[in-house]
């Protein structure tokens, strides 16, 4: 792993789960970890319920936009966390891959998105403790 770890969150639309995870990680560690997110089939816009759920915690992800998953983004990451993108994520040696099985917030209201958000937060906090043990 490089001096400054790099994490890539990947989900299908890059509009909900991966954006929330990136938002939490950036909120928790600032620029101590390079944070990126992408999707295998990005949506046009970010999920409004995900934006609202994060705003409840004081984290603004409204200015984010869905991005396409590229080989370069994967290859330049230390940790790649997939969230339901299946086999579309390219695999490179030396990269740590994890699959977080999480419900997709697409089409769900904020009451259904909150538990997904809270589970993502728990997992991101554990990731921070692993990657930056002195920061946790």
C-alpha atoms as a PDB file:
ATOM      1  CA  UNK A   1       0.000   0.000   0.000  1.00  0.00           C
ATOM      2  CA  UNK A   2       1.241   3.472  -0.803  1.00  0.00           C
ATOM      3  CA  UNK A   3       2.009   6.058   1.899  1.00  0.00           C
ATOM      4  CA  UNK A   4      -1.418   7.624   1.348  1.00  0.00           C
ATOM      5  CA  UNK A   5      -3.939   4.816   0.853  1.00  0.00           C
ATOM      6  CA  UNK A   6      -6.339   5.022  -2.076  1.00  0.00           C
ATOM      7  CA  UNK A   7      -9.877   3.634  -1.879  1.00  0.00           C
ATOM      8  CA  UNK A   8     -12.295   3.195  -4.771  1.00  0.00           C
ATOM      9  CA  UNK A   9     -15.986   2.555  -4.059  1.00  0.00           C
ATOM     10  CA  UNK A  10     -17.845   0.912  -6.946  1.00  0.00           C
ATOM     11  CA  UNK A  11     -21.552   0.291  -7.439  1.00  0.00           C
ATOM     12  CA  UNK A  12     -23.664  -0.039 -10.563  1.00  0.00           C
ATOM     13  CA  UNK A  13     -25.033   3.491 -10.871  1.00  0.00           C
ATOM     14  CA  UNK A  14     -22.514   5.409  -8.719  1.00  0.00           C
ATOM     15  CA  UNK A  15     -25.483   7.375  -7.474  1.00  0.00           C
ATOM     16  CA  UNK A  16     -26.192   6.055  -3.976  1.00  0.00           C
ATOM     17  CA  UNK A  17     -24.123   3.498  -2.057  1.00  0.00           C
ATOM     18  CA  UNK A  18     -20.705   4.361  -3.455  1.00  0.00           C
ATOM     19  CA  UNK A  19     -21.381   8.100  -3.183  1.00  0.00           C
ATOM     20  CA  UNK A  20     -22.471   7.748   0.452  1.00  0.00           C
ATOM     21  CA  UNK A  21     -19.398   5.638   1.251  1.00  0.00           C
ATOM     22  CA  UNK A  22     -17.076   8.161  -0.404  1.00  0.00           C
ATOM     23  CA  UNK A  23     -18.837  10.968   1.451  1.00  0.00           C
ATOM     24  CA  UNK A  24     -18.375   9.242   4.812  1.00  0.00           C
ATOM     25  CA  UNK A  25     -14.716   8.422   4.166  1.00  0.00           C
ATOM     26  CA  UNK A  26     -13.897  11.975   3.104  1.00  0.00           C
ATOM     27  CA  UNK A  27     -15.835  13.359   6.082  1.00  0.00           C
ATOM     28  CA  UNK A  28     -13.979  11.091   8.525  1.00  0.00           C
ATOM     29  CA  UNK A  29     -10.392  11.417   7.273  1.00  0.00           C
ATOM     30  CA  UNK A  30     -10.236  14.445   4.993  1.00  0.00           C
ATOM     31  CA  UNK A  31      -7.384  13.976   2.558  1.00  0.00           C
ATOM     32  CA  UNK A  32      -5.543  11.312   4.602  1.00  0.00           C
ATOM     33  CA  UNK A  33      -6.959   8.731   2.180  1.00  0.00           C
ATOM     34  CA  UNK A  34      -7.493   9.274  -1.534  1.00  0.00           C
ATOM     35  CA  UNK A  35     -11.201   8.637  -2.073  1.00  0.00           C
ATOM     36  CA  UNK A  36     -12.869   7.857  -5.394  1.00  0.00           C
ATOM     37  CA  UNK A  37     -16.127   6.340  -6.529  1.00  0.00           C
ATOM     38  CA  UNK A  38     -17.377   5.027  -9.848  1.00  0.00           C
ATOM     39  CA  UNK A  39     -20.087   2.925 -11.424  1.00  0.00           C
ATOM     40  CA  UNK A  40     -20.228   0.185 -14.010  1.00  0.00           C
ATOM     41  CA  UNK A  41     -23.352   1.825 -15.531  1.00  0.00           C
ATOM     42  CA  UNK A  42     -23.489   5.340 -14.035  1.00  0.00           C
ATOM     43  CA  UNK A  43     -26.816   7.097 -13.617  1.00  0.00           C
ATOM     44  CA  UNK A  44     -27.478  10.597 -14.901  1.00  0.00           C
ATOM     45  CA  UNK A  45     -27.660  12.108 -11.404  1.00  0.00           C
ATOM     46  CA  UNK A  46     -27.020  11.186  -7.802  1.00  0.00           C
ATOM     47  CA  UNK A  47     -29.906   9.643  -5.830  1.00  0.00           C
ATOM     48  CA  UNK A  48     -31.858  12.439  -4.103  1.00  0.00           C
ATOM     49  CA  UNK A  49     -32.770  10.205  -1.133  1.00  0.00           C
ATOM     50  CA  UNK A  50     -29.062   9.404  -0.615  1.00  0.00           C
ATOM     51  CA  UNK A  51     -28.264  13.131  -0.729  1.00  0.00           C
ATOM     52  CA  UNK A  52     -31.007  13.865   1.810  1.00  0.00           C
ATOM     53  CA  UNK A  53     -29.971  11.014   4.121  1.00  0.00           C
ATOM     54  CA  UNK A  54     -26.359  12.207   4.159  1.00  0.00           C
ATOM     55  CA  UNK A  55     -27.432  15.836   4.664  1.00  0.00           C
ATOM     56  CA  UNK A  56     -29.199  14.731   7.861  1.00  0.00           C
ATOM     57  CA  UNK A  57     -25.719  13.931   9.212  1.00  0.00           C
ATOM     58  CA  UNK A  58     -24.175  17.155   7.937  1.00  0.00           C
ATOM     59  CA  UNK A  59     -22.418  15.542   4.964  1.00  0.00           C
ATOM     60  CA  UNK A  60     -23.066  17.202   1.619  1.00  0.00           C
ATOM     61  CA  UNK A  61     -22.757  14.923  -1.411  1.00  0.00           C
ATOM     62  CA  UNK A  62     -25.101  16.972  -3.606  1.00  0.00           C
ATOM     63  CA  UNK A  63     -22.243  18.308  -5.736  1.00  0.00           C
ATOM     64  CA  UNK A  64     -21.068  14.820  -6.694  1.00  0.00           C
ATOM     65  CA  UNK A  65     -21.878  13.264 -10.040  1.00  0.00           C
ATOM     66  CA  UNK A  66     -21.882   9.636 -11.185  1.00  0.00           C
ATOM     67  CA  UNK A  67     -18.654   8.579 -12.918  1.00  0.00           C
ATOM     68  CA  UNK A  68     -17.839   5.629 -15.162  1.00  0.00           C
ATOM     69  CA  UNK A  69     -15.584   2.895 -13.804  1.00  0.00           C
ATOM     70  CA  UNK A  70     -12.211   2.850 -15.580  1.00  0.00           C
ATOM     71  CA  UNK A  71      -9.303   0.442 -15.532  1.00  0.00           C
ATOM     72  CA  UNK A  72      -7.017   3.279 -14.410  1.00  0.00           C
ATOM     73  CA  UNK A  73      -9.192   4.024 -11.370  1.00  0.00           C
ATOM     74  CA  UNK A  74      -9.054   0.380 -10.301  1.00  0.00           C
ATOM     75  CA  UNK A  75      -5.364  -0.137 -11.063  1.00  0.00           C
ATOM     76  CA  UNK A  76      -4.330   2.963  -9.097  1.00  0.00           C
ATOM     77  CA  UNK A  77      -6.282   1.974  -5.968  1.00  0.00           C
ATOM     78  CA  UNK A  78      -5.031   0.110  -2.918  1.00  0.00           C
ATOM     79  CA  UNK A  79      -8.518  -1.003  -1.891  1.00  0.00           C
ATOM     80  CA  UNK A  80     -11.506  -1.522  -4.197  1.00  0.00           C
ATOM     81  CA  UNK A  81     -14.864  -1.950  -2.508  1.00  0.00           C
ATOM     82  CA  UNK A  82     -17.657  -3.215  -4.717  1.00  0.00           C
ATOM     83  CA  UNK A  83     -21.311  -2.893  -3.824  1.00  0.00           C
ATOM     84  CA  UNK A  84     -23.321  -5.046  -6.166  1.00  0.00           C
ATOM     85  CA  UNK A  85     -21.482  -4.437  -9.440  1.00  0.00           C
ATOM     86  CA  UNK A  86     -20.879  -8.150  -9.967  1.00  0.00           C
ATOM     87  CA  UNK A  87     -18.092  -9.248 -12.272  1.00  0.00           C
ATOM     88  CA  UNK A  88     -17.781  -5.940 -14.133  1.00  0.00           C
ATOM     89  CA  UNK A  89     -14.920  -4.715 -11.941  1.00  0.00           C
ATOM     90  CA  UNK A  90     -11.497  -5.480 -13.437  1.00  0.00           C
ATOM     91  CA  UNK A  91      -9.084  -7.370 -11.195  1.00  0.00           C
ATOM     92  CA  UNK A  92      -5.414  -6.449 -10.853  1.00  0.00           C
ATOM     93  CA  UNK A  93      -2.803  -8.180  -8.694  1.00  0.00           C
ATOM     94  CA  UNK A  94      -1.790  -6.469  -5.469  1.00  0.00           C
ATOM     95  CA  UNK A  95      -5.107  -4.700  -4.931  1.00  0.00           C
ATOM     96  CA  UNK A  96      -7.323  -5.566  -1.979  1.00  0.00           C
ATOM     97  CA  UNK A  97     -10.876  -6.276  -3.160  1.00  0.00           C
ATOM     98  CA  UNK A  98     -13.858  -6.362  -0.835  1.00  0.00           C
ATOM     99  CA  UNK A  99     -17.516  -6.842  -1.667  1.00  0.00           C
ATOM    100  CA  UNK A 100     -19.987  -5.073   0.583  1.00  0.00           C
ATOM    101  CA  UNK A 101     -23.422  -6.619   0.145  1.00  0.00           C
ATOM    102  CA  UNK A 102     -25.810  -3.714   0.650  1.00  0.00           C
ATOM    103  CA  UNK A 103     -29.335  -2.979  -0.509  1.00  0.00           C
ATOM    104  CA  UNK A 104     -29.551  -0.633  -3.485  1.00  0.00           C
ATOM    105  CA  UNK A 105     -31.196   2.666  -2.493  1.00  0.00           C
ATOM    106  CA  UNK A 106     -32.413   3.274  -6.068  1.00  0.00           C
ATOM    107  CA  UNK A 107     -36.115   4.029  -6.093  1.00  0.00           C
ATOM    108  CA  UNK A 108     -36.398   3.992  -2.297  1.00  0.00           C
ATOM    109  CA  UNK A 109     -37.552   6.794  -0.024  1.00  0.00           C
ATOM    110  CA  UNK A 110     -35.419   8.304   2.702  1.00  0.00           C
ATOM    111  CA  UNK A 111     -36.877   6.035   5.415  1.00  0.00           C
ATOM    112  CA  UNK A 112     -35.553   3.021   3.494  1.00  0.00           C
ATOM    113  CA  UNK A 113     -32.232   4.704   2.688  1.00  0.00           C
ATOM    114  CA  UNK A 114     -31.335   5.587   6.293  1.00  0.00           C
ATOM    115  CA  UNK A 115     -30.554   1.970   7.357  1.00  0.00           C
ATOM    116  CA  UNK A 116     -28.402   1.529   4.226  1.00  0.00           C
ATOM    117  CA  UNK A 117     -26.602   4.789   5.039  1.00  0.00           C
ATOM    118  CA  UNK A 118     -26.037   3.713   8.641  1.00  0.00           C
ATOM    119  CA  UNK A 119     -24.604   0.334   7.587  1.00  0.00           C
ATOM    120  CA  UNK A 120     -22.281   2.062   5.120  1.00  0.00           C
ATOM    121  CA  UNK A 121     -21.114   4.383   7.898  1.00  0.00           C
ATOM    122  CA  UNK A 122     -20.332   1.421  10.165  1.00  0.00           C
ATOM    123  CA  UNK A 123     -18.309  -0.285   7.430  1.00  0.00           C
ATOM    124  CA  UNK A 124     -16.444   2.900   6.495  1.00  0.00           C
ATOM    125  CA  UNK A 125     -15.528   3.488  10.148  1.00  0.00           C
ATOM    126  CA  UNK A 126     -14.107  -0.071  10.304  1.00  0.00           C
ATOM    127  CA  UNK A 127     -12.172   0.601   7.084  1.00  0.00           C
ATOM    128  CA  UNK A 128     -10.671   3.758   8.581  1.00  0.00           C
ATOM    129  CA  UNK A 129      -9.623   1.813  11.676  1.00  0.00           C
ATOM    130  CA  UNK A 130      -7.896  -0.719   9.416  1.00  0.00           C
ATOM    131  CA  UNK A 131      -6.185   1.691   7.020  1.00  0.00           C
ATOM    132  CA  UNK A 132      -5.347   4.466   9.496  1.00  0.00           C
ATOM    133  CA  UNK A 133      -5.252   2.826  12.932  1.00  0.00           C
ATOM    134  CA  UNK A 134      -3.867   5.968  14.563  1.00  0.00           C
ATOM    135  CA  UNK A 135      -6.709   8.059  13.099  1.00  0.00           C
ATOM    136  CA  UNK A 136      -9.598   5.974  14.461  1.00  0.00           C
END
